[in-house]
Amino acid sequence: MSQNDSFIDEVTEEVRRDRLFQYLRRYGWIAVAVVLVLVGGTAFNEWRKAEARAEAQARGDAMLAAIRQDEPATRANALIGLDPDGGAVAVSNMLAATELQEAGEIEGAVAALEAVATDEAVPAIYRDLAALKGAMIGAGVRDVETRRATLAGLSRPGAPFRMIAQEQLALIAVDEGDTDAAVEQFRAIAVDAEATRGLRERALQMIVALGGEIEDLALPGGE
């Protein structure tokens, strides 16, 4: 390589270094900003997680303190007074409803369950469960048509508590003295592939008790 070529290479390299330093001076703040954003975002996420854990622990402690109250009515009031979010509010209100039911305050229990069932902020599974339980215990405080309409909605195809809702509809027919409708509903439950063994056995027992026939039923799995 000639001295001229070597000189040109050195000059070219020097120019490259100068350009690099210029770029760093002009745009280096962007790299620093990116690093700060990444570090700050990580720190913020960790802080959010710590906050969520602290809030969950506080809600759990408050719920445990409420459950440890001596009297059912006191426990219920304490649980209703909690102000958690999402599924936790459903759990606290349903626990409160149980305490009210044990205390004989059925109206209050049903109201607590209906508050969960109609709260759009609560996950659907909890709303359905609250509506089901409210319909089950609300025989003395809600008219039969209201309960029937609620259970009919819960017995729709694909609903998580469909089979239990159908059983409750059949029991309403029994209470009303509509034996034929009750037997038909229990027969539908008995042959439904989604029915649990316990539910199917209850349905068969009710069919027999109501004077219906079970010999012709095509039970799932050849039971």
Protein backbone atom coordinates (compact mmCIF):
# COMPACT_ATOMS: atom_id res chain seq x y z
CA MET A 1 0.00 0.00 0.00
CA SER A 2 1.41 3.46 -0.95
CA GLN A 3 1.88 6.28 1.52
CA ASN A 4 -0.82 8.18 -0.38
CA ASP A 5 -3.32 5.36 0.13
CA SER A 6 -2.44 5.13 3.82
CA PHE A 7 -2.92 8.85 4.23
CA ILE A 8 -6.33 8.70 2.51
CA ASP A 9 -7.42 5.84 4.79
CA GLU A 10 -6.37 7.76 7.90
CA VAL A 11 -8.26 10.82 6.74
CA THR A 12 -11.35 8.75 5.93
CA GLU A 13 -11.27 7.13 9.38
CA GLU A 14 -10.86 10.49 11.04
CA VAL A 15 -13.84 11.85 9.12
CA ARG A 16 -15.90 8.87 10.24
CA ARG A 17 -14.99 9.48 13.87
CA ASP A 18 -15.87 13.15 13.57
CA ARG A 19 -19.26 12.26 12.08
CA LEU A 20 -19.87 9.73 14.84
CA PHE A 21 -19.13 12.31 17.53
CA GLN A 22 -21.41 14.76 15.75
CA TYR A 23 -24.21 12.21 15.67
CA LEU A 24 -23.69 11.42 19.34
CA ARG A 25 -23.78 15.12 20.26
CA ARG A 26 -26.86 15.69 18.12
CA TYR A 27 -28.86 12.50 18.78
CA GLY A 28 -27.28 11.00 21.89
CA TRP A 29 -30.10 12.41 24.06
CA ILE A 30 -32.52 10.08 22.25
CA ALA A 31 -30.60 7.01 23.41
CA VAL A 32 -30.47 8.41 26.95
CA ALA A 33 -34.22 9.10 26.83
CA VAL A 34 -34.94 5.57 25.62
CA VAL A 35 -32.89 4.12 28.48
CA LEU A 36 -34.66 6.35 31.00
CA VAL A 37 -38.07 5.36 29.63
CA LEU A 38 -37.22 1.66 29.82
CA VAL A 39 -35.85 1.95 33.35
CA GLY A 40 -38.73 4.17 34.43
CA GLY A 41 -41.31 1.84 32.87
CA THR A 42 -39.84 -1.16 34.66
CA ALA A 43 -39.82 0.70 37.96
CA PHE A 44 -43.42 1.86 37.42
CA ASN A 45 -44.59 -1.69 36.64
CA GLU A 46 -42.92 -3.00 39.79
CA TRP A 47 -44.56 -0.24 41.79
CA ARG A 48 -47.97 -1.08 40.30
CA LYS A 49 -47.50 -4.75 41.16
CA ALA A 50 -46.52 -3.88 44.71
CA GLU A 51 -49.56 -1.60 45.01
CA ALA A 52 -51.87 -4.33 43.68
CA ARG A 53 -50.44 -6.85 46.14
CA ALA A 54 -50.86 -4.42 49.01
CA GLU A 55 -54.45 -3.63 48.01
CA ALA A 56 -55.31 -7.32 47.65
CA GLN A 57 -53.81 -8.09 51.04
CA ALA A 58 -55.69 -5.20 52.62
CA ARG A 59 -58.97 -6.41 51.10
CA GLY A 60 -58.29 -9.93 52.28
CA ASP A 61 -57.48 -8.76 55.80
CA ALA A 62 -60.64 -6.66 55.91
CA MET A 63 -62.73 -9.58 54.67
CA LEU A 64 -61.23 -11.92 57.27
CA ALA A 65 -61.86 -9.38 60.01
CA ALA A 66 -65.48 -9.10 58.90
CA ILE A 67 -65.95 -12.87 58.82
CA ARG A 68 -64.55 -13.21 62.34
CA GLN A 69 -67.35 -11.11 63.83
CA ASP A 70 -69.47 -13.07 66.31
CA GLU A 71 -73.01 -12.31 65.10
CA PRO A 72 -74.26 -13.13 61.58
CA ALA A 73 -75.89 -9.72 61.18
CA THR A 74 -72.68 -7.98 62.29
CA ARG A 75 -70.63 -10.05 59.85
CA ALA A 76 -73.06 -9.22 57.06
CA ASN A 77 -72.92 -5.47 57.71
CA ALA A 78 -69.13 -5.57 57.86
CA LEU A 79 -68.91 -7.47 54.57
CA ILE A 80 -71.34 -5.17 52.81
CA GLY A 81 -69.30 -2.22 54.03
CA LEU A 82 -66.21 -3.43 52.18
CA ASP A 83 -65.43 -1.62 48.94
CA PRO A 84 -63.24 -3.95 46.85
CA ASP A 85 -63.26 -4.25 43.07
CA GLY A 86 -64.34 -6.83 40.50
CA GLY A 87 -64.84 -10.36 41.74
CA ALA A 88 -63.95 -9.42 45.32
CA VAL A 89 -67.05 -7.26 45.71
CA ALA A 90 -69.13 -10.19 44.48
CA VAL A 91 -67.53 -12.53 47.00
CA SER A 92 -68.01 -10.11 49.89
CA ASN A 93 -71.66 -9.45 49.02
CA MET A 94 -72.40 -13.15 48.57
CA LEU A 95 -70.78 -13.92 51.91
CA ALA A 96 -72.85 -11.12 53.40
CA ALA A 97 -75.97 -12.65 51.84
CA THR A 98 -75.16 -15.99 53.47
CA GLU A 99 -74.79 -14.31 56.85
CA LEU A 100 -78.08 -12.47 56.40
CA GLN A 101 -79.79 -15.69 55.39
CA GLU A 102 -78.50 -17.43 58.51
CA ALA A 103 -79.73 -14.49 60.57
CA GLY A 104 -83.19 -14.93 59.03
CA GLU A 105 -83.01 -11.67 57.08
CA ILE A 106 -83.98 -13.15 53.71
CA GLU A 107 -85.01 -9.83 52.19
CA GLY A 108 -81.60 -8.36 52.95
CA ALA A 109 -79.87 -11.48 51.62
CA VAL A 110 -81.76 -11.34 48.34
CA ALA A 111 -81.07 -7.62 48.00
CA ALA A 112 -77.34 -8.20 48.51
CA LEU A 113 -77.36 -10.91 45.84
CA GLU A 114 -79.34 -8.77 43.42
CA ALA A 115 -76.78 -5.98 43.89
CA VAL A 116 -74.12 -8.37 42.61
CA ALA A 117 -76.32 -9.80 39.84
CA THR A 118 -77.02 -6.35 38.36
CA ASP A 119 -73.52 -4.88 38.71
CA GLU A 120 -71.93 -4.73 35.24
CA ALA A 121 -68.51 -4.22 36.81
CA VAL A 122 -68.66 -7.71 38.31
CA PRO A 123 -67.52 -10.68 36.16
CA ALA A 124 -70.44 -12.50 34.50
CA ILE A 125 -69.81 -15.77 36.36
CA TYR A 126 -70.37 -14.03 39.70
CA ARG A 127 -73.45 -12.20 38.43
CA ASP A 128 -74.99 -15.46 37.29
CA LEU A 129 -74.16 -17.20 40.57
CA ALA A 130 -75.64 -14.36 42.61
CA ALA A 131 -78.79 -14.33 40.47
CA LEU A 132 -79.16 -18.10 40.87
CA LYS A 133 -78.76 -18.02 44.63
CA GLY A 134 -81.12 -15.06 44.91
CA ALA A 135 -83.79 -16.93 42.97
CA MET A 136 -83.27 -20.04 45.10
CA ILE A 137 -83.67 -18.35 48.48
CA GLY A 138 -86.12 -15.67 47.42
CA ALA A 139 -89.27 -17.79 47.41
CA GLY A 140 -90.82 -15.87 50.29
CA VAL A 141 -89.76 -12.38 49.26
CA ARG A 142 -89.93 -12.38 45.45
CA ASP A 143 -92.95 -13.31 43.33
CA VAL A 144 -92.78 -16.55 41.43
CA GLU A 145 -92.80 -14.94 37.99
CA THR A 146 -89.74 -12.85 38.83
CA ARG A 147 -87.91 -15.92 40.05
CA ARG A 148 -89.03 -17.94 37.03
CA ALA A 149 -87.83 -15.23 34.62
CA THR A 150 -84.43 -15.10 36.35
CA LEU A 151 -84.03 -18.86 36.25
CA ALA A 152 -85.16 -19.03 32.63
CA GLY A 153 -82.38 -16.62 31.71
CA LEU A 154 -79.85 -18.68 33.65
CA SER A 155 -80.97 -21.89 31.92
CA ARG A 156 -80.09 -20.62 28.44
CA PRO A 157 -77.75 -22.83 26.37
CA GLY A 158 -74.13 -22.38 27.34
CA ALA A 159 -74.88 -20.69 30.67
CA PRO A 160 -72.57 -21.94 33.46
CA PHE A 161 -75.39 -22.82 35.87
CA ARG A 162 -77.89 -23.98 33.26
CA MET A 163 -78.64 -27.38 34.78
CA ILE A 164 -79.16 -26.10 38.32
CA ALA A 165 -81.44 -23.36 37.00
CA GLN A 166 -83.50 -25.98 35.15
CA GLU A 167 -83.79 -28.01 38.35
CA GLN A 168 -85.05 -24.95 40.19
CA LEU A 169 -87.63 -24.31 37.46
CA ALA A 170 -88.84 -27.89 37.85
CA LEU A 171 -89.10 -27.39 41.63
CA ILE A 172 -91.18 -24.26 41.09
CA ALA A 173 -93.55 -26.36 38.97
CA VAL A 174 -93.76 -28.86 41.84
CA ASP A 175 -94.58 -26.06 44.30
CA GLU A 176 -97.33 -24.85 41.98
CA GLY A 177 -98.81 -28.34 41.72
CA ASP A 178 -98.07 -28.61 37.99
CA THR A 179 -96.93 -32.24 38.14
CA ASP A 180 -96.89 -32.85 34.40
CA ALA A 181 -94.65 -29.86 33.72
CA ALA A 182 -92.36 -30.82 36.61
CA VAL A 183 -91.99 -34.42 35.38
CA GLU A 184 -91.26 -33.22 31.86
CA GLN A 185 -88.58 -30.86 33.14
CA PHE A 186 -86.98 -33.51 35.34
CA ARG A 187 -86.98 -35.94 32.41
CA ALA A 188 -85.17 -33.34 30.29
CA ILE A 189 -82.58 -32.96 33.04
CA ALA A 190 -82.10 -36.72 33.38
CA VAL A 191 -81.22 -37.21 29.70
CA ASP A 192 -79.07 -34.09 29.39
CA ALA A 193 -75.41 -34.95 28.83
CA GLU A 194 -74.33 -31.91 30.87
CA ALA A 195 -76.13 -33.03 34.02
CA THR A 196 -73.88 -34.28 36.80
CA ARG A 197 -74.47 -37.72 38.28
CA GLY A 198 -75.89 -36.22 41.46
CA LEU A 199 -78.28 -33.95 39.56
CA ARG A 200 -79.39 -36.80 37.31
CA GLU A 201 -80.08 -39.03 40.31
CA ARG A 202 -82.14 -36.30 41.96
CA ALA A 203 -84.11 -35.82 38.75
CA LEU A 204 -84.85 -39.55 38.48
CA GLN A 205 -85.95 -39.68 42.12
CA MET A 206 -88.28 -36.74 41.58
CA ILE A 207 -89.77 -38.32 38.46
CA VAL A 208 -90.57 -41.49 40.41
CA ALA A 209 -91.90 -39.52 43.39
CA LEU A 210 -94.22 -37.58 41.09
CA GLY A 211 -95.52 -40.74 39.47
CA GLY A 212 -93.59 -40.47 36.23
CA GLU A 213 -91.86 -43.20 34.22
CA ILE A 214 -88.10 -43.55 33.90
CA GLU A 215 -87.75 -46.88 32.09
CA ASP A 216 -87.99 -45.29 28.66
CA LEU A 217 -85.36 -42.65 29.30
CA ALA A 218 -82.20 -42.83 27.19
CA LEU A 219 -79.70 -41.84 29.85
CA PRO A 220 -76.25 -40.59 28.77
CA GLY A 221 -73.54 -43.22 28.97
CA GLY A 222 -76.03 -46.05 29.28
CA GLU A 223 -76.67 -45.34 32.97
